[in-house]
Amino acid sequence: MDLYIYYQVKDGDAPSLLAAVVPMQAALGAQHGVACQLKRRPQATDGKQTWMEVYAATPDGFAAALERAVEQAGLPAWIAGPRHTEVFTDLVTCA
């Protein structure tokens, strides 16, 4: 199961959010053996950027661990609006 989580951040809050997300993802990757990515849309709209966290091949229980990590890292303080989570699974596995 892969998780894609997107949300908006005000331009002025982006540096603070980046400083919180990067170590959070590093810790999650190390603790759970998950490949993590952080992406953003190239353009801002109305002073807000859209960011996406990607977590590939997550183990059972990872979503709950992620939510705890988000709260512990204080991400909600810099996110403008809700975090949206999309879940995808492989149709065909690579050999």
C-alpha atoms as a PDB file:
ATOM      1  CA  MET A   1       0.000   0.000   0.000  1.00  0.00           C
ATOM      2  CA  ASP A   2       1.358   3.394  -0.996  1.00  0.00           C
ATOM      3  CA  LEU A   3       0.183   6.591   0.693  1.00  0.00           C
ATOM      4  CA  TYR A   4      -0.022   9.950  -1.080  1.00  0.00           C
ATOM      5  CA  ILE A   5      -0.824  12.830   1.252  1.00  0.00           C
ATOM      6  CA  TYR A   6      -1.333  16.316  -0.096  1.00  0.00           C
ATOM      7  CA  TYR A   7      -2.047  19.645   1.534  1.00  0.00           C
ATOM      8  CA  GLN A   8      -1.449  23.362   1.186  1.00  0.00           C
ATOM      9  CA  VAL A   9       1.040  25.593   2.951  1.00  0.00           C
ATOM     10  CA  LYS A  10       1.313  29.376   2.889  1.00  0.00           C
ATOM     11  CA  ASP A  11       4.449  30.592   1.126  1.00  0.00           C
ATOM     12  CA  GLY A  12       5.720  32.179   4.333  1.00  0.00           C
ATOM     13  CA  ASP A  13       5.260  28.958   6.342  1.00  0.00           C
ATOM     14  CA  ALA A  14       7.043  26.724   3.815  1.00  0.00           C
ATOM     15  CA  PRO A  15      10.542  26.960   5.379  1.00  0.00           C
ATOM     16  CA  SER A  16       9.223  26.018   8.844  1.00  0.00           C
ATOM     17  CA  LEU A  17       7.175  23.157   7.455  1.00  0.00           C
ATOM     18  CA  LEU A  18      10.140  21.871   5.452  1.00  0.00           C
ATOM     19  CA  ALA A  19      12.297  21.917   8.583  1.00  0.00           C
ATOM     20  CA  ALA A  20       9.705  19.725  10.338  1.00  0.00           C
ATOM     21  CA  VAL A  21       8.745  17.326   7.527  1.00  0.00           C
ATOM     22  CA  VAL A  22      12.258  16.307   6.447  1.00  0.00           C
ATOM     23  CA  PRO A  23      13.377  14.873   9.819  1.00  0.00           C
ATOM     24  CA  MET A  24       9.936  13.351  10.391  1.00  0.00           C
ATOM     25  CA  GLN A  25      10.164  11.461   7.112  1.00  0.00           C
ATOM     26  CA  ALA A  26      13.752  10.408   7.795  1.00  0.00           C
ATOM     27  CA  ALA A  27      12.710   8.929  11.144  1.00  0.00           C
ATOM     28  CA  LEU A  28       9.673   7.173   9.657  1.00  0.00           C
ATOM     29  CA  GLY A  29      11.769   5.747   6.844  1.00  0.00           C
ATOM     30  CA  ALA A  30      14.372   4.411   9.264  1.00  0.00           C
ATOM     31  CA  GLN A  31      11.852   3.015  11.750  1.00  0.00           C
ATOM     32  CA  HIS A  32       9.501   1.378   9.242  1.00  0.00           C
ATOM     33  CA  GLY A  33      11.690   0.665   6.202  1.00  0.00           C
ATOM     34  CA  VAL A  34       9.534   2.893   4.015  1.00  0.00           C
ATOM     35  CA  ALA A  35      10.756   4.957   1.057  1.00  0.00           C
ATOM     36  CA  CYS A  36       9.620   8.550   1.653  1.00  0.00           C
ATOM     37  CA  GLN A  37       9.411  11.449  -0.772  1.00  0.00           C
ATOM     38  CA  LEU A  38       8.405  15.080  -0.421  1.00  0.00           C
ATOM     39  CA  LYS A  39       7.113  16.921  -3.481  1.00  0.00           C
ATOM     40  CA  ARG A  40       5.394  20.176  -4.348  1.00  0.00           C
ATOM     41  CA  ARG A  41       3.637  21.657  -7.305  1.00  0.00           C
ATOM     42  CA  PRO A  42       5.943  24.017  -9.203  1.00  0.00           C
ATOM     43  CA  GLN A  43       3.637  27.022  -8.910  1.00  0.00           C
ATOM     44  CA  ALA A  44       1.943  28.641  -5.935  1.00  0.00           C
ATOM     45  CA  THR A  45      -1.661  29.823  -6.144  1.00  0.00           C
ATOM     46  CA  ASP A  46      -2.977  32.694  -4.038  1.00  0.00           C
ATOM     47  CA  GLY A  47       0.147  32.586  -1.873  1.00  0.00           C
ATOM     48  CA  LYS A  48      -0.167  28.861  -1.141  1.00  0.00           C
ATOM     49  CA  GLN A  49       1.904  25.915  -2.281  1.00  0.00           C
ATOM     50  CA  THR A  50       0.596  22.375  -2.664  1.00  0.00           C
ATOM     51  CA  TRP A  51       2.862  19.750  -1.136  1.00  0.00           C
ATOM     52  CA  MET A  52       2.725  15.966  -1.283  1.00  0.00           C
ATOM     53  CA  GLU A  53       4.253  13.378   1.003  1.00  0.00           C
ATOM     54  CA  VAL A  54       4.711   9.937  -0.555  1.00  0.00           C
ATOM     55  CA  TYR A  55       5.229   6.730   1.415  1.00  0.00           C
ATOM     56  CA  ALA A  56       5.822   3.622  -0.709  1.00  0.00           C
ATOM     57  CA  ALA A  57       5.160   0.017   0.290  1.00  0.00           C
ATOM     58  CA  THR A  58       3.989   0.811   3.796  1.00  0.00           C
ATOM     59  CA  PRO A  59       3.648  -1.975   6.373  1.00  0.00           C
ATOM     60  CA  ASP A  60       0.562  -2.683   8.476  1.00  0.00           C
ATOM     61  CA  GLY A  61       0.056  -0.012  11.103  1.00  0.00           C
ATOM     62  CA  PHE A  62       2.076   2.620   9.257  1.00  0.00           C
ATOM     63  CA  ALA A  63      -0.838   5.038   8.784  1.00  0.00           C
ATOM     64  CA  ALA A  64      -1.326   5.269  12.562  1.00  0.00           C
ATOM     65  CA  ALA A  65       2.419   5.760  13.097  1.00  0.00           C
ATOM     66  CA  LEU A  66       2.392   8.507  10.479  1.00  0.00           C
ATOM     67  CA  GLU A  67      -0.464  10.339  12.178  1.00  0.00           C
ATOM     68  CA  ARG A  68       1.369  10.215  15.505  1.00  0.00           C
ATOM     69  CA  ALA A  69       4.543  11.503  13.831  1.00  0.00           C
ATOM     70  CA  VAL A  70       2.637  14.373  12.177  1.00  0.00           C
ATOM     71  CA  GLU A  71       1.281  15.507  15.540  1.00  0.00           C
ATOM     72  CA  GLN A  72       4.633  15.106  17.305  1.00  0.00           C
ATOM     73  CA  ALA A  73       6.393  17.123  14.581  1.00  0.00           C
ATOM     74  CA  GLY A  74       3.775  19.887  14.897  1.00  0.00           C
ATOM     75  CA  LEU A  75       2.929  19.926  11.189  1.00  0.00           C
ATOM     76  CA  PRO A  76      -0.654  21.157  11.627  1.00  0.00           C
ATOM     77  CA  ALA A  77       0.719  24.540  12.779  1.00  0.00           C
ATOM     78  CA  TRP A  78       2.030  25.237   9.255  1.00  0.00           C
ATOM     79  CA  ILE A  79      -0.540  23.471   7.082  1.00  0.00           C
ATOM     80  CA  ALA A  80      -3.333  25.603   5.607  1.00  0.00           C
ATOM     81  CA  GLY A  81      -6.391  23.357   5.713  1.00  0.00           C
ATOM     82  CA  PRO A  82      -6.711  19.584   5.881  1.00  0.00           C
ATOM     83  CA  ARG A  83      -4.281  16.849   4.875  1.00  0.00           C
ATOM     84  CA  HIS A  84      -5.812  14.638   2.172  1.00  0.00           C
ATOM     85  CA  THR A  85      -4.723  11.003   2.040  1.00  0.00           C
ATOM     86  CA  GLU A  86      -4.970   8.819  -1.060  1.00  0.00           C
ATOM     87  CA  VAL A  87      -4.180   5.096  -0.888  1.00  0.00           C
ATOM     88  CA  PHE A  88      -2.973   3.090  -3.869  1.00  0.00           C
ATOM     89  CA  THR A  89      -2.090  -0.591  -4.201  1.00  0.00           C
ATOM     90  CA  ASP A  90      -0.114  -2.374  -6.924  1.00  0.00           C
ATOM     91  CA  LEU A  91      -2.049  -3.976  -9.758  1.00  0.00           C
ATOM     92  CA  VAL A  92       0.949  -5.983 -10.892  1.00  0.00           C
ATOM     93  CA  THR A  93       3.997  -6.641  -8.759  1.00  0.00           C
ATOM     94  CA  CYS A  94       7.452  -6.463 -10.296  1.00  0.00           C
ATOM     95  CA  ALA A  95       9.562  -9.588 -10.167  1.00  0.00           C
END
